Full PDB file with SEQRES, HELIX, SHEET, SSBOND, CRYST1, ORIGX, SCALE, CONECT and MASTER records, all heavy atoms in Angstrom:
SEQRES   1 A   41  GLN LYS ILE TYR LYS LEU LEU GLU PHE ALA GLY SER ARG          
SEQRES   2 A   41  ARG ASP ILE ALA ASP PRO TRP TYR THR GLY ASN PHE ASP          
SEQRES   3 A   41  VAL THR TYR ALA ASP ILE ILE GLU GLY CYS GLU ALA LEU          
SEQRES   4 A   41  LEU GLU                                                      
HELIX    1 AA1 LEU A    6  ALA A   10  5                                   5    
HELIX    2 AA2 PRO A   19  THR A   22  1                                   4    
HELIX    3 AA3 PHE A   25  LEU A   40  1                                  16    
CRYST1    1.000    1.000    1.000  90.00  90.00  90.00 P 1           1          
ORIGX1      1.000000  0.000000  0.000000        0.00000                         
ORIGX2      0.000000  1.000000  0.000000        0.00000                         
ORIGX3      0.000000  0.000000  1.000000        0.00000                         
SCALE1      1.000000  0.000000  0.000000        0.00000                         
SCALE2      0.000000  1.000000  0.000000        0.00000                         
SCALE3      0.000000  0.000000  1.000000        0.00000                         
ATOM      1  N   GLN A   1      -4.125  19.442  -2.091  1.00  0.00           N  
ATOM      2  CA  GLN A   1      -3.128  18.371  -1.960  1.00  0.00           C  
ATOM      3  C   GLN A   1      -3.489  17.408  -0.825  1.00  0.00           C  
ATOM      4  O   GLN A   1      -2.709  17.139   0.088  1.00  0.00           O  
ATOM      5  CB  GLN A   1      -1.740  18.972  -1.769  1.00  0.00           C  
ATOM      6  CG  GLN A   1      -1.330  19.792  -2.986  1.00  0.00           C  
ATOM      7  CD  GLN A   1       0.072  20.327  -2.906  1.00  0.00           C  
ATOM      8  OE1 GLN A   1       0.793  20.079  -1.963  1.00  0.00           O  
ATOM      9  NE2 GLN A   1       0.470  21.058  -3.933  1.00  0.00           N  
ATOM     10  N   LYS A   2      -4.693  16.845  -0.962  1.00  0.00           N  
ATOM     11  CA  LYS A   2      -5.189  15.856  -0.017  1.00  0.00           C  
ATOM     12  C   LYS A   2      -5.062  14.435  -0.560  1.00  0.00           C  
ATOM     13  O   LYS A   2      -5.285  13.478   0.173  1.00  0.00           O  
ATOM     14  CB  LYS A   2      -6.673  16.106   0.280  1.00  0.00           C  
ATOM     15  CG  LYS A   2      -7.009  17.404   0.973  1.00  0.00           C  
ATOM     16  CD  LYS A   2      -8.520  17.458   1.202  1.00  0.00           C  
ATOM     17  CE  LYS A   2      -8.945  18.669   1.971  1.00  0.00           C  
ATOM     18  NZ  LYS A   2     -10.414  18.624   2.263  1.00  0.00           N  
ATOM     19  N   ILE A   3      -4.769  14.296  -1.848  1.00  0.00           N  
ATOM     20  CA  ILE A   3      -4.757  12.977  -2.485  1.00  0.00           C  
ATOM     21  C   ILE A   3      -3.353  12.379  -2.445  1.00  0.00           C  
ATOM     22  O   ILE A   3      -2.383  13.012  -2.880  1.00  0.00           O  
ATOM     23  CB  ILE A   3      -5.282  13.072  -3.936  1.00  0.00           C  
ATOM     24  CG1 ILE A   3      -6.756  13.500  -3.934  1.00  0.00           C  
ATOM     25  CG2 ILE A   3      -5.104  11.745  -4.659  1.00  0.00           C  
ATOM     26  CD1 ILE A   3      -7.349  13.698  -5.319  1.00  0.00           C  
ATOM     27  N   TYR A   4      -3.271  11.155  -1.936  1.00  0.00           N  
ATOM     28  CA  TYR A   4      -2.001  10.460  -1.804  1.00  0.00           C  
ATOM     29  C   TYR A   4      -2.138   9.021  -2.310  1.00  0.00           C  
ATOM     30  O   TYR A   4      -3.234   8.486  -2.392  1.00  0.00           O  
ATOM     31  CB  TYR A   4      -1.571  10.381  -0.329  1.00  0.00           C  
ATOM     32  CG  TYR A   4      -1.328  11.699   0.342  1.00  0.00           C  
ATOM     33  CD1 TYR A   4      -2.383  12.423   0.887  1.00  0.00           C  
ATOM     34  CD2 TYR A   4      -0.042  12.217   0.459  1.00  0.00           C  
ATOM     35  CE1 TYR A   4      -2.158  13.641   1.522  1.00  0.00           C  
ATOM     36  CE2 TYR A   4       0.195  13.421   1.102  1.00  0.00           C  
ATOM     37  CZ  TYR A   4      -0.870  14.136   1.625  1.00  0.00           C  
ATOM     38  OH  TYR A   4      -0.649  15.334   2.251  1.00  0.00           O  
ATOM     39  N   LYS A   5      -1.004   8.418  -2.573  1.00  0.00           N  
ATOM     40  CA  LYS A   5      -0.943   6.977  -2.789  1.00  0.00           C  
ATOM     41  C   LYS A   5      -0.426   6.376  -1.479  1.00  0.00           C  
ATOM     42  O   LYS A   5       0.509   6.904  -0.877  1.00  0.00           O  
ATOM     43  CB  LYS A   5      -0.029   6.653  -3.973  1.00  0.00           C  
ATOM     44  CG  LYS A   5      -0.186   5.240  -4.491  1.00  0.00           C  
ATOM     45  CD  LYS A   5       0.372   5.084  -5.907  1.00  0.00           C  
ATOM     46  CE  LYS A   5       1.842   5.334  -6.018  1.00  0.00           C  
ATOM     47  NZ  LYS A   5       2.392   4.914  -7.326  1.00  0.00           N  
ATOM     48  N   LEU A   6      -1.025   5.277  -1.025  1.00  0.00           N  
ATOM     49  CA  LEU A   6      -0.766   4.784   0.323  1.00  0.00           C  
ATOM     50  C   LEU A   6       0.714   4.585   0.626  1.00  0.00           C  
ATOM     51  O   LEU A   6       1.193   4.975   1.697  1.00  0.00           O  
ATOM     52  CB  LEU A   6      -1.543   3.483   0.573  1.00  0.00           C  
ATOM     53  CG  LEU A   6      -1.398   2.855   1.959  1.00  0.00           C  
ATOM     54  CD1 LEU A   6      -1.738   3.843   3.068  1.00  0.00           C  
ATOM     55  CD2 LEU A   6      -2.261   1.599   2.062  1.00  0.00           C  
ATOM     56  N   LEU A   7       1.451   3.983  -0.285  1.00  0.00           N  
ATOM     57  CA  LEU A   7       2.852   3.683   0.018  1.00  0.00           C  
ATOM     58  C   LEU A   7       3.755   4.917  -0.017  1.00  0.00           C  
ATOM     59  O   LEU A   7       4.929   4.830   0.342  1.00  0.00           O  
ATOM     60  CB  LEU A   7       3.372   2.587  -0.913  1.00  0.00           C  
ATOM     61  CG  LEU A   7       2.850   1.187  -0.577  1.00  0.00           C  
ATOM     62  CD1 LEU A   7       3.335   0.164  -1.592  1.00  0.00           C  
ATOM     63  CD2 LEU A   7       3.244   0.761   0.837  1.00  0.00           C  
ATOM     64  N   GLU A   8       3.205   6.073  -0.416  1.00  0.00           N  
ATOM     65  CA  GLU A   8       3.968   7.322  -0.287  1.00  0.00           C  
ATOM     66  C   GLU A   8       4.388   7.546   1.159  1.00  0.00           C  
ATOM     67  O   GLU A   8       5.468   8.067   1.435  1.00  0.00           O  
ATOM     68  CB  GLU A   8       3.131   8.522  -0.732  1.00  0.00           C  
ATOM     69  CG  GLU A   8       3.046   8.757  -2.214  1.00  0.00           C  
ATOM     70  CD  GLU A   8       2.351  10.076  -2.513  1.00  0.00           C  
ATOM     71  OE1 GLU A   8       2.919  11.139  -2.181  1.00  0.00           O  
ATOM     72  OE2 GLU A   8       1.238  10.049  -3.069  1.00  0.00           O  
ATOM     73  N   PHE A   9       3.512   7.197   2.090  1.00  0.00           N  
ATOM     74  CA  PHE A   9       3.805   7.433   3.502  1.00  0.00           C  
ATOM     75  C   PHE A   9       4.957   6.574   3.983  1.00  0.00           C  
ATOM     76  O   PHE A   9       5.595   6.889   4.989  1.00  0.00           O  
ATOM     77  CB  PHE A   9       2.544   7.173   4.336  1.00  0.00           C  
ATOM     78  CG  PHE A   9       1.413   8.099   4.002  1.00  0.00           C  
ATOM     79  CD1 PHE A   9       0.383   7.670   3.176  1.00  0.00           C  
ATOM     80  CD2 PHE A   9       1.399   9.396   4.480  1.00  0.00           C  
ATOM     81  CE1 PHE A   9      -0.659   8.525   2.848  1.00  0.00           C  
ATOM     82  CE2 PHE A   9       0.360  10.256   4.159  1.00  0.00           C  
ATOM     83  CZ  PHE A   9      -0.674   9.827   3.339  1.00  0.00           C  
ATOM     84  N   ALA A  10       5.233   5.488   3.270  1.00  0.00           N  
ATOM     85  CA  ALA A  10       6.360   4.611   3.596  1.00  0.00           C  
ATOM     86  C   ALA A  10       7.582   4.951   2.748  1.00  0.00           C  
ATOM     87  O   ALA A  10       8.561   4.199   2.721  1.00  0.00           O  
ATOM     88  CB  ALA A  10       5.963   3.149   3.394  1.00  0.00           C  
ATOM     89  N   GLY A  11       7.513   6.079   2.032  1.00  0.00           N  
ATOM     90  CA  GLY A  11       8.652   6.521   1.233  1.00  0.00           C  
ATOM     91  C   GLY A  11       8.807   5.806  -0.090  1.00  0.00           C  
ATOM     92  O   GLY A  11       9.886   5.813  -0.690  1.00  0.00           O  
ATOM     93  N   SER A  12       7.713   5.198  -0.584  1.00  0.00           N  
ATOM     94  CA  SER A  12       7.778   4.455  -1.842  1.00  0.00           C  
ATOM     95  C   SER A  12       6.737   4.977  -2.831  1.00  0.00           C  
ATOM     96  O   SER A  12       5.650   5.397  -2.437  1.00  0.00           O  
ATOM     97  CB  SER A  12       7.519   2.964  -1.592  1.00  0.00           C  
ATOM     98  OG  SER A  12       7.428   2.254  -2.817  1.00  0.00           O  
ATOM     99  N   ARG A  13       7.080   4.928  -4.101  1.00  0.00           N  
ATOM    100  CA  ARG A  13       6.147   5.320  -5.156  1.00  0.00           C  
ATOM    101  C   ARG A  13       5.474   4.106  -5.784  1.00  0.00           C  
ATOM    102  O   ARG A  13       4.688   4.248  -6.709  1.00  0.00           O  
ATOM    103  CB  ARG A  13       6.874   6.115  -6.246  1.00  0.00           C  
ATOM    104  CG  ARG A  13       7.335   7.488  -5.821  1.00  0.00           C  
ATOM    105  CD  ARG A  13       6.165   8.416  -5.543  1.00  0.00           C  
ATOM    106  NE  ARG A  13       5.265   8.511  -6.692  1.00  0.00           N  
ATOM    107  CZ  ARG A  13       4.052   9.065  -6.658  1.00  0.00           C  
ATOM    108  NH1 ARG A  13       3.592   9.544  -5.520  1.00  0.00           N  
ATOM    109  NH2 ARG A  13       3.299   9.105  -7.738  1.00  0.00           N  
ATOM    110  N   ARG A  14       5.740   2.920  -5.269  1.00  0.00           N  
ATOM    111  CA  ARG A  14       5.205   1.743  -5.934  1.00  0.00           C  
ATOM    112  C   ARG A  14       3.699   1.588  -5.677  1.00  0.00           C  
ATOM    113  O   ARG A  14       3.162   2.082  -4.684  1.00  0.00           O  
ATOM    114  CB  ARG A  14       5.957   0.489  -5.523  1.00  0.00           C  
ATOM    115  CG  ARG A  14       5.660  -0.070  -4.160  1.00  0.00           C  
ATOM    116  CD  ARG A  14       6.509  -1.319  -3.899  1.00  0.00           C  
ATOM    117  NE  ARG A  14       6.118  -2.010  -2.688  1.00  0.00           N  
ATOM    118  CZ  ARG A  14       6.562  -1.698  -1.475  1.00  0.00           C  
ATOM    119  NH1 ARG A  14       7.425  -0.709  -1.333  1.00  0.00           N  
ATOM    120  NH2 ARG A  14       6.143  -2.387  -0.423  1.00  0.00           N  
ATOM    121  N   ASP A  15       3.038   0.897  -6.592  1.00  0.00           N  
ATOM    122  CA  ASP A  15       1.617   0.610  -6.481  1.00  0.00           C  
ATOM    123  C   ASP A  15       1.383  -0.570  -5.545  1.00  0.00           C  
ATOM    124  O   ASP A  15       2.257  -1.412  -5.345  1.00  0.00           O  
ATOM    125  CB  ASP A  15       1.028   0.259  -7.849  1.00  0.00           C  
ATOM    126  CG  ASP A  15       0.992   1.433  -8.815  1.00  0.00           C  
ATOM    127  OD1 ASP A  15       1.137   2.590  -8.356  1.00  0.00           O  
ATOM    128  OD2 ASP A  15       0.810   1.188 -10.026  1.00  0.00           O  
ATOM    129  N   ILE A  16       0.170  -0.638  -5.010  1.00  0.00           N  
ATOM    130  CA  ILE A  16      -0.283  -1.840  -4.308  1.00  0.00           C  
ATOM    131  C   ILE A  16      -1.122  -2.636  -5.295  1.00  0.00           C  
ATOM    132  O   ILE A  16      -2.143  -2.145  -5.798  1.00  0.00           O  
ATOM    133  CB  ILE A  16      -1.106  -1.486  -3.058  1.00  0.00           C  
ATOM    134  CG1 ILE A  16      -0.213  -0.765  -2.041  1.00  0.00           C  
ATOM    135  CG2 ILE A  16      -1.719  -2.743  -2.439  1.00  0.00           C  
ATOM    136  CD1 ILE A  16      -0.928  -0.335  -0.782  1.00  0.00           C  
ATOM    137  N   ALA A  17      -0.670  -3.827  -5.608  1.00  0.00           N  
ATOM    138  CA  ALA A  17      -1.313  -4.634  -6.648  1.00  0.00           C  
ATOM    139  C   ALA A  17      -2.747  -4.996  -6.268  1.00  0.00           C  
ATOM    140  O   ALA A  17      -3.062  -5.236  -5.097  1.00  0.00           O  
ATOM    141  CB  ALA A  17      -0.503  -5.899  -6.896  1.00  0.00           C  
ATOM    142  N   ASP A  18      -3.611  -5.054  -7.272  1.00  0.00           N  
ATOM    143  CA  ASP A  18      -5.013  -5.411  -7.070  1.00  0.00           C  
ATOM    144  C   ASP A  18      -5.144  -6.932  -7.028  1.00  0.00           C  
ATOM    145  O   ASP A  18      -4.943  -7.608  -8.043  1.00  0.00           O  
ATOM    146  CB  ASP A  18      -5.854  -4.846  -8.215  1.00  0.00           C  
ATOM    147  CG  ASP A  18      -7.349  -4.997  -7.965  1.00  0.00           C  
ATOM    148  OD1 ASP A  18      -7.739  -5.769  -7.067  1.00  0.00           O  
ATOM    149  OD2 ASP A  18      -8.124  -4.337  -8.686  1.00  0.00           O  
ATOM    150  N   PRO A  19      -5.494  -7.503  -5.875  1.00  0.00           N  
ATOM    151  CA  PRO A  19      -5.567  -8.967  -5.775  1.00  0.00           C  
ATOM    152  C   PRO A  19      -6.759  -9.563  -6.523  1.00  0.00           C  
ATOM    153  O   PRO A  19      -6.813 -10.783  -6.691  1.00  0.00           O  
ATOM    154  CB  PRO A  19      -5.687  -9.197  -4.266  1.00  0.00           C  
ATOM    155  CG  PRO A  19      -6.355  -7.970  -3.754  1.00  0.00           C  
ATOM    156  CD  PRO A  19      -5.819  -6.847  -4.596  1.00  0.00           C  
ATOM    157  N   TRP A  20      -7.666  -8.719  -6.968  1.00  0.00           N  
ATOM    158  CA  TRP A  20      -8.758  -9.216  -7.805  1.00  0.00           C  
ATOM    159  C   TRP A  20      -8.177  -9.805  -9.089  1.00  0.00           C  
ATOM    160  O   TRP A  20      -8.705 -10.765  -9.645  1.00  0.00           O  
ATOM    161  CB  TRP A  20      -9.731  -8.088  -8.134  1.00  0.00           C  
ATOM    162  CG  TRP A  20     -11.060  -8.540  -8.681  1.00  0.00           C  
ATOM    163  CD1 TRP A  20     -12.184  -8.817  -7.982  1.00  0.00           C  
ATOM    164  CD2 TRP A  20     -11.381  -8.764 -10.072  1.00  0.00           C  
ATOM    165  NE1 TRP A  20     -13.207  -9.197  -8.827  1.00  0.00           N  
ATOM    166  CE2 TRP A  20     -12.736  -9.176 -10.134  1.00  0.00           C  
ATOM    167  CE3 TRP A  20     -10.675  -8.659 -11.276  1.00  0.00           C  
ATOM    168  CZ2 TRP A  20     -13.385  -9.478 -11.322  1.00  0.00           C  
ATOM    169  CZ3 TRP A  20     -11.308  -8.957 -12.464  1.00  0.00           C  
ATOM    170  CH2 TRP A  20     -12.649  -9.366 -12.476  1.00  0.00           C  
ATOM    171  N   TYR A  21      -7.044  -9.214  -9.536  1.00  0.00           N  
ATOM    172  CA  TYR A  21      -6.363  -9.703 -10.739  1.00  0.00           C  
ATOM    173  C   TYR A  21      -5.250 -10.696 -10.405  1.00  0.00           C  
ATOM    174  O   TYR A  21      -5.085 -11.703 -11.096  1.00  0.00           O  
ATOM    175  CB  TYR A  21      -5.771  -8.525 -11.525  1.00  0.00           C  
ATOM    176  CG  TYR A  21      -6.819  -7.582 -12.069  1.00  0.00           C  
ATOM    177  CD1 TYR A  21      -7.071  -6.370 -11.443  1.00  0.00           C  
ATOM    178  CD2 TYR A  21      -7.555  -7.900 -13.204  1.00  0.00           C  
ATOM    179  CE1 TYR A  21      -8.035  -5.503 -11.934  1.00  0.00           C  
ATOM    180  CE2 TYR A  21      -8.524  -7.038 -13.699  1.00  0.00           C  
ATOM    181  CZ  TYR A  21      -8.762  -5.839 -13.061  1.00  0.00           C  
ATOM    182  OH  TYR A  21      -9.723  -4.985 -13.541  1.00  0.00           O  
ATOM    183  N   THR A  22      -4.463 -10.378  -9.349  1.00  0.00           N  
ATOM    184  CA  THR A  22      -3.304 -11.228  -9.056  1.00  0.00           C  
ATOM    185  C   THR A  22      -3.681 -12.472  -8.257  1.00  0.00           C  
ATOM    186  O   THR A  22      -2.972 -13.474  -8.315  1.00  0.00           O  
ATOM    187  CB  THR A  22      -2.266 -10.448  -8.228  1.00  0.00           C  
ATOM    188  OG1 THR A  22      -2.808 -10.158  -6.923  1.00  0.00           O  
ATOM    189  CG2 THR A  22      -1.885  -9.135  -8.914  1.00  0.00           C  
ATOM    190  N   GLY A  23      -4.754 -12.388  -7.483  1.00  0.00           N  
ATOM    191  CA  GLY A  23      -5.138 -13.495  -6.616  1.00  0.00           C  
ATOM    192  C   GLY A  23      -4.282 -13.609  -5.364  1.00  0.00           C  
ATOM    193  O   GLY A  23      -4.492 -14.501  -4.539  1.00  0.00           O  
ATOM    194  N   ASN A  24      -3.311 -12.687  -5.215  1.00  0.00           N  
ATOM    195  CA  ASN A  24      -2.371 -12.777  -4.092  1.00  0.00           C  
ATOM    196  C   ASN A  24      -2.746 -11.755  -3.010  1.00  0.00           C  
ATOM    197  O   ASN A  24      -2.239 -10.630  -3.001  1.00  0.00           O  
ATOM    198  CB  ASN A  24      -0.946 -12.551  -4.582  1.00  0.00           C  
ATOM    199  CG  ASN A  24       0.081 -12.991  -3.552  1.00  0.00           C  
ATOM    200  OD1 ASN A  24      -0.176 -12.975  -2.348  1.00  0.00           O  
ATOM    201  ND2 ASN A  24       1.252 -13.396  -4.020  1.00  0.00           N  
ATOM    202  N   PHE A  25      -3.611 -12.141  -2.110  1.00  0.00           N  
ATOM    203  CA  PHE A  25      -4.041 -11.247  -1.045  1.00  0.00           C  
ATOM    204  C   PHE A  25      -2.976 -11.096   0.031  1.00  0.00           C  
ATOM    205  O   PHE A  25      -2.996 -10.115   0.783  1.00  0.00           O  
ATOM    206  CB  PHE A  25      -5.360 -11.746  -0.447  1.00  0.00           C  
ATOM    207  CG  PHE A  25      -6.544 -11.510  -1.339  1.00  0.00           C  
ATOM    208  CD1 PHE A  25      -6.840 -12.408  -2.364  1.00  0.00           C  
ATOM    209  CD2 PHE A  25      -7.348 -10.397  -1.180  1.00  0.00           C  
ATOM    210  CE1 PHE A  25      -7.922 -12.189  -3.202  1.00  0.00           C  
ATOM    211  CE2 PHE A  25      -8.433 -10.176  -2.017  1.00  0.00           C  
ATOM    212  CZ  PHE A  25      -8.731 -11.075  -3.026  1.00  0.00           C  
ATOM    213  N   ASP A  26      -2.042 -12.049   0.105  1.00  0.00           N  
ATOM    214  CA  ASP A  26      -0.965 -11.961   1.087  1.00  0.00           C  
ATOM    215  C   ASP A  26      -0.042 -10.785   0.784  1.00  0.00           C  
ATOM    216  O   ASP A  26       0.324 -10.021   1.682  1.00  0.00           O  
ATOM    217  CB  ASP A  26      -0.153 -13.256   1.106  1.00  0.00           C  
ATOM    218  CG  ASP A  26      -0.957 -14.448   1.604  1.00  0.00           C  
ATOM    219  OD1 ASP A  26      -1.978 -14.221   2.291  1.00  0.00           O  
ATOM    220  OD2 ASP A  26      -0.569 -15.591   1.302  1.00  0.00           O  
ATOM    221  N   VAL A  27       0.355 -10.637  -0.469  1.00  0.00           N  
ATOM    222  CA  VAL A  27       1.240  -9.534  -0.870  1.00  0.00           C  
ATOM    223  C   VAL A  27       0.525  -8.205  -0.689  1.00  0.00           C  
ATOM    224  O   VAL A  27       1.101  -7.230  -0.178  1.00  0.00           O  
ATOM    225  CB  VAL A  27       1.714  -9.718  -2.327  1.00  0.00           C  
ATOM    226  CG1 VAL A  27       2.395  -8.451  -2.831  1.00  0.00           C  
ATOM    227  CG2 VAL A  27       2.669 -10.903  -2.431  1.00  0.00           C  
ATOM    228  N   THR A  28      -0.728  -8.146  -1.098  1.00  0.00           N  
ATOM    229  CA  THR A  28      -1.505  -6.913  -0.947  1.00  0.00           C  
ATOM    230  C   THR A  28      -1.627  -6.537   0.525  1.00  0.00           C  
ATOM    231  O   THR A  28      -1.458  -5.364   0.896  1.00  0.00           O  
ATOM    232  CB  THR A  28      -2.900  -7.069  -1.576  1.00  0.00           C  
ATOM    233  OG1 THR A  28      -2.742  -7.239  -2.986  1.00  0.00           O  
ATOM    234  CG2 THR A  28      -3.767  -5.846  -1.307  1.00  0.00           C  
ATOM    235  N   TYR A  29      -1.893  -7.508   1.362  1.00  0.00           N  
ATOM    236  CA  TYR A  29      -2.009  -7.261   2.797  1.00  0.00           C  
ATOM    237  C   TYR A  29      -0.695  -6.712   3.360  1.00  0.00           C  
ATOM    238  O   TYR A  29      -0.694  -5.743   4.142  1.00  0.00           O  
ATOM    239  CB  TYR A  29      -2.392  -8.545   3.523  1.00  0.00           C  
ATOM    240  CG  TYR A  29      -2.378  -8.423   5.020  1.00  0.00           C  
ATOM    241  CD1 TYR A  29      -3.441  -7.836   5.713  1.00  0.00           C  
ATOM    242  CD2 TYR A  29      -1.281  -8.893   5.764  1.00  0.00           C  
ATOM    243  CE1 TYR A  29      -3.415  -7.709   7.087  1.00  0.00           C  
ATOM    244  CE2 TYR A  29      -1.256  -8.779   7.143  1.00  0.00           C  
ATOM    245  CZ  TYR A  29      -2.318  -8.186   7.810  1.00  0.00           C  
ATOM    246  OH  TYR A  29      -2.295  -8.064   9.175  1.00  0.00           O  
ATOM    247  N   ALA A  30       0.423  -7.301   2.979  1.00  0.00           N  
ATOM    248  CA  ALA A  30       1.726  -6.851   3.482  1.00  0.00           C  
ATOM    249  C   ALA A  30       1.983  -5.399   3.089  1.00  0.00           C  
ATOM    250  O   ALA A  30       2.488  -4.603   3.900  1.00  0.00           O  
ATOM    251  CB  ALA A  30       2.836  -7.758   2.934  1.00  0.00           C  
ATOM    252  N   ASP A  31       1.644  -5.039   1.859  1.00  0.00           N  
ATOM    253  CA  ASP A  31       1.826  -3.657   1.402  1.00  0.00           C  
ATOM    254  C   ASP A  31       0.909  -2.694   2.163  1.00  0.00           C  
ATOM    255  O   ASP A  31       1.304  -1.575   2.511  1.00  0.00           O  
ATOM    256  CB  ASP A  31       1.556  -3.551  -0.098  1.00  0.00           C  
ATOM    257  CG  ASP A  31       2.686  -4.095  -0.949  1.00  0.00           C  
ATOM    258  OD1 ASP A  31       3.805  -4.273  -0.407  1.00  0.00           O  
ATOM    259  OD2 ASP A  31       2.460  -4.349  -2.152  1.00  0.00           O  
ATOM    260  N   ILE A  32      -0.321  -3.118   2.408  1.00  0.00           N  
ATOM    261  CA  ILE A  32      -1.268  -2.267   3.128  1.00  0.00           C  
ATOM    262  C   ILE A  32      -0.820  -2.077   4.573  1.00  0.00           C  
ATOM    263  O   ILE A  32      -0.913  -0.957   5.116  1.00  0.00           O  
ATOM    264  CB  ILE A  32      -2.692  -2.838   3.027  1.00  0.00           C  
ATOM    265  CG1 ILE A  32      -3.240  -2.584   1.611  1.00  0.00           C  
ATOM    266  CG2 ILE A  32      -3.618  -2.226   4.084  1.00  0.00           C  
ATOM    267  CD1 ILE A  32      -4.577  -3.213   1.324  1.00  0.00           C  
ATOM    268  N   ILE A  33      -0.319  -3.126   5.202  1.00  0.00           N  
ATOM    269  CA  ILE A  33       0.224  -3.002   6.555  1.00  0.00           C  
ATOM    270  C   ILE A  33       1.369  -1.992   6.561  1.00  0.00           C  
ATOM    271  O   ILE A  33       1.443  -1.104   7.427  1.00  0.00           O  
ATOM    272  CB  ILE A  33       0.713  -4.365   7.077  1.00  0.00           C  
ATOM    273  CG1 ILE A  33      -0.474  -5.256   7.427  1.00  0.00           C  
ATOM    274  CG2 ILE A  33       1.626  -4.185   8.285  1.00  0.00           C  
ATOM    275  CD1 ILE A  33      -1.246  -4.826   8.657  1.00  0.00           C  
ATOM    276  N   GLU A  34       2.271  -2.110   5.594  1.00  0.00           N  
ATOM    277  CA  GLU A  34       3.413  -1.192   5.514  1.00  0.00           C  
ATOM    278  C   GLU A  34       2.943   0.251   5.383  1.00  0.00           C  
ATOM    279  O   GLU A  34       3.423   1.153   6.077  1.00  0.00           O  
ATOM    280  CB  GLU A  34       4.303  -1.566   4.328  1.00  0.00           C  
ATOM    281  CG  GLU A  34       5.512  -0.654   4.158  1.00  0.00           C  
ATOM    282  CD  GLU A  34       6.360  -0.999   2.946  1.00  0.00           C  
ATOM    283  OE1 GLU A  34       6.081  -2.029   2.288  1.00  0.00           O  
ATOM    284  OE2 GLU A  34       7.305  -0.239   2.657  1.00  0.00           O  
ATOM    285  N   GLY A  35       1.993   0.471   4.479  1.00  0.00           N  
ATOM    286  CA  GLY A  35       1.501   1.826   4.249  1.00  0.00           C  
ATOM    287  C   GLY A  35       0.746   2.389   5.435  1.00  0.00           C  
ATOM    288  O   GLY A  35       0.932   3.550   5.827  1.00  0.00           O  
ATOM    289  N   CYS A  36      -0.117   1.574   6.045  1.00  0.00           N  
ATOM    290  CA  CYS A  36      -0.924   2.046   7.175  1.00  0.00           C  
ATOM    291  C   CYS A  36      -0.068   2.320   8.405  1.00  0.00           C  
ATOM    292  O   CYS A  36      -0.310   3.286   9.139  1.00  0.00           O  
ATOM    293  CB  CYS A  36      -2.023   1.043   7.495  1.00  0.00           C  
ATOM    294  SG  CYS A  36      -3.391   1.039   6.312  1.00  0.00           S  
ATOM    295  N   GLU A  37       0.927   1.473   8.651  1.00  0.00           N  
ATOM    296  CA  GLU A  37       1.820   1.719   9.776  1.00  0.00           C  
ATOM    297  C   GLU A  37       2.572   3.035   9.594  1.00  0.00           C  
ATOM    298  O   GLU A  37       2.716   3.819  10.552  1.00  0.00           O  
ATOM    299  CB  GLU A  37       2.810   0.576   9.932  1.00  0.00           C  
ATOM    300  CG  GLU A  37       2.190  -0.694  10.526  1.00  0.00           C  
ATOM    301  CD  GLU A  37       3.182  -1.833  10.647  1.00  0.00           C  
ATOM    302  OE1 GLU A  37       4.241  -1.784   9.966  1.00  0.00           O  
ATOM    303  OE2 GLU A  37       2.886  -2.798  11.387  1.00  0.00           O  
ATOM    304  N   ALA A  38       3.042   3.285   8.391  1.00  0.00           N  
ATOM    305  CA  ALA A  38       3.774   4.533   8.118  1.00  0.00           C  
ATOM    306  C   ALA A  38       2.853   5.743   8.215  1.00  0.00           C  
ATOM    307  O   ALA A  38       3.232   6.782   8.753  1.00  0.00           O  
ATOM    308  CB  ALA A  38       4.410   4.453   6.738  1.00  0.00           C  
ATOM    309  N   LEU A  39       1.632   5.606   7.702  1.00  0.00           N  
ATOM    310  CA  LEU A  39       0.655   6.691   7.792  1.00  0.00           C  
ATOM    311  C   LEU A  39       0.362   7.038   9.251  1.00  0.00           C  
ATOM    312  O   LEU A  39       0.398   8.213   9.646  1.00  0.00           O  
ATOM    313  CB  LEU A  39      -0.635   6.280   7.076  1.00  0.00           C  
ATOM    314  CG  LEU A  39      -1.865   7.178   7.277  1.00  0.00           C  
ATOM    315  CD1 LEU A  39      -1.598   8.584   6.766  1.00  0.00           C  
ATOM    316  CD2 LEU A  39      -3.088   6.572   6.593  1.00  0.00           C  
ATOM    317  N   LEU A  40       0.092   6.022  10.050  1.00  0.00           N  
ATOM    318  CA  LEU A  40      -0.261   6.252  11.444  1.00  0.00           C  
ATOM    319  C   LEU A  40       0.916   6.846  12.220  1.00  0.00           C  
ATOM    320  O   LEU A  40       0.733   7.711  13.084  1.00  0.00           O  
ATOM    321  CB  LEU A  40      -0.716   4.946  12.083  1.00  0.00           C  
ATOM    322  CG  LEU A  40      -1.460   5.057  13.414  1.00  0.00           C  
ATOM    323  CD1 LEU A  40      -2.662   6.001  13.300  1.00  0.00           C  
ATOM    324  CD2 LEU A  40      -1.914   3.675  13.872  1.00  0.00           C  
ATOM    325  N   GLU A  41       2.117   6.420  11.872  1.00  0.00           N  
ATOM    326  CA  GLU A  41       3.306   6.966  12.536  1.00  0.00           C  
ATOM    327  C   GLU A  41       3.429   8.465  12.273  1.00  0.00           C  
ATOM    328  O   GLU A  41       3.795   9.231  13.174  1.00  0.00           O  
ATOM    329  CB  GLU A  41       4.563   6.244  12.028  1.00  0.00           C  
ATOM    330  CG  GLU A  41       5.857   6.731  12.688  1.00  0.00           C  
ATOM    331  CD  GLU A  41       7.086   6.012  12.168  1.00  0.00           C  
ATOM    332  OE1 GLU A  41       6.926   5.008  11.459  1.00  0.00           O  
ATOM    333  OE2 GLU A  41       8.199   6.470  12.483  1.00  0.00           O  
TER     334      GLU A  41                                                      
MASTER        0    0    0    3    0    0    0    6  333    1    0    4          
END                                                                             
């Protein structure tokens, strides 16, 4: 049980969208910040 989805650490089951398809790197960045901050905490 080492495999996680990043936003699990922030209490969410939602996916982080792939900006290669969406073109929206701002939204992806915000989600990654949320997940990484929660992980580090």
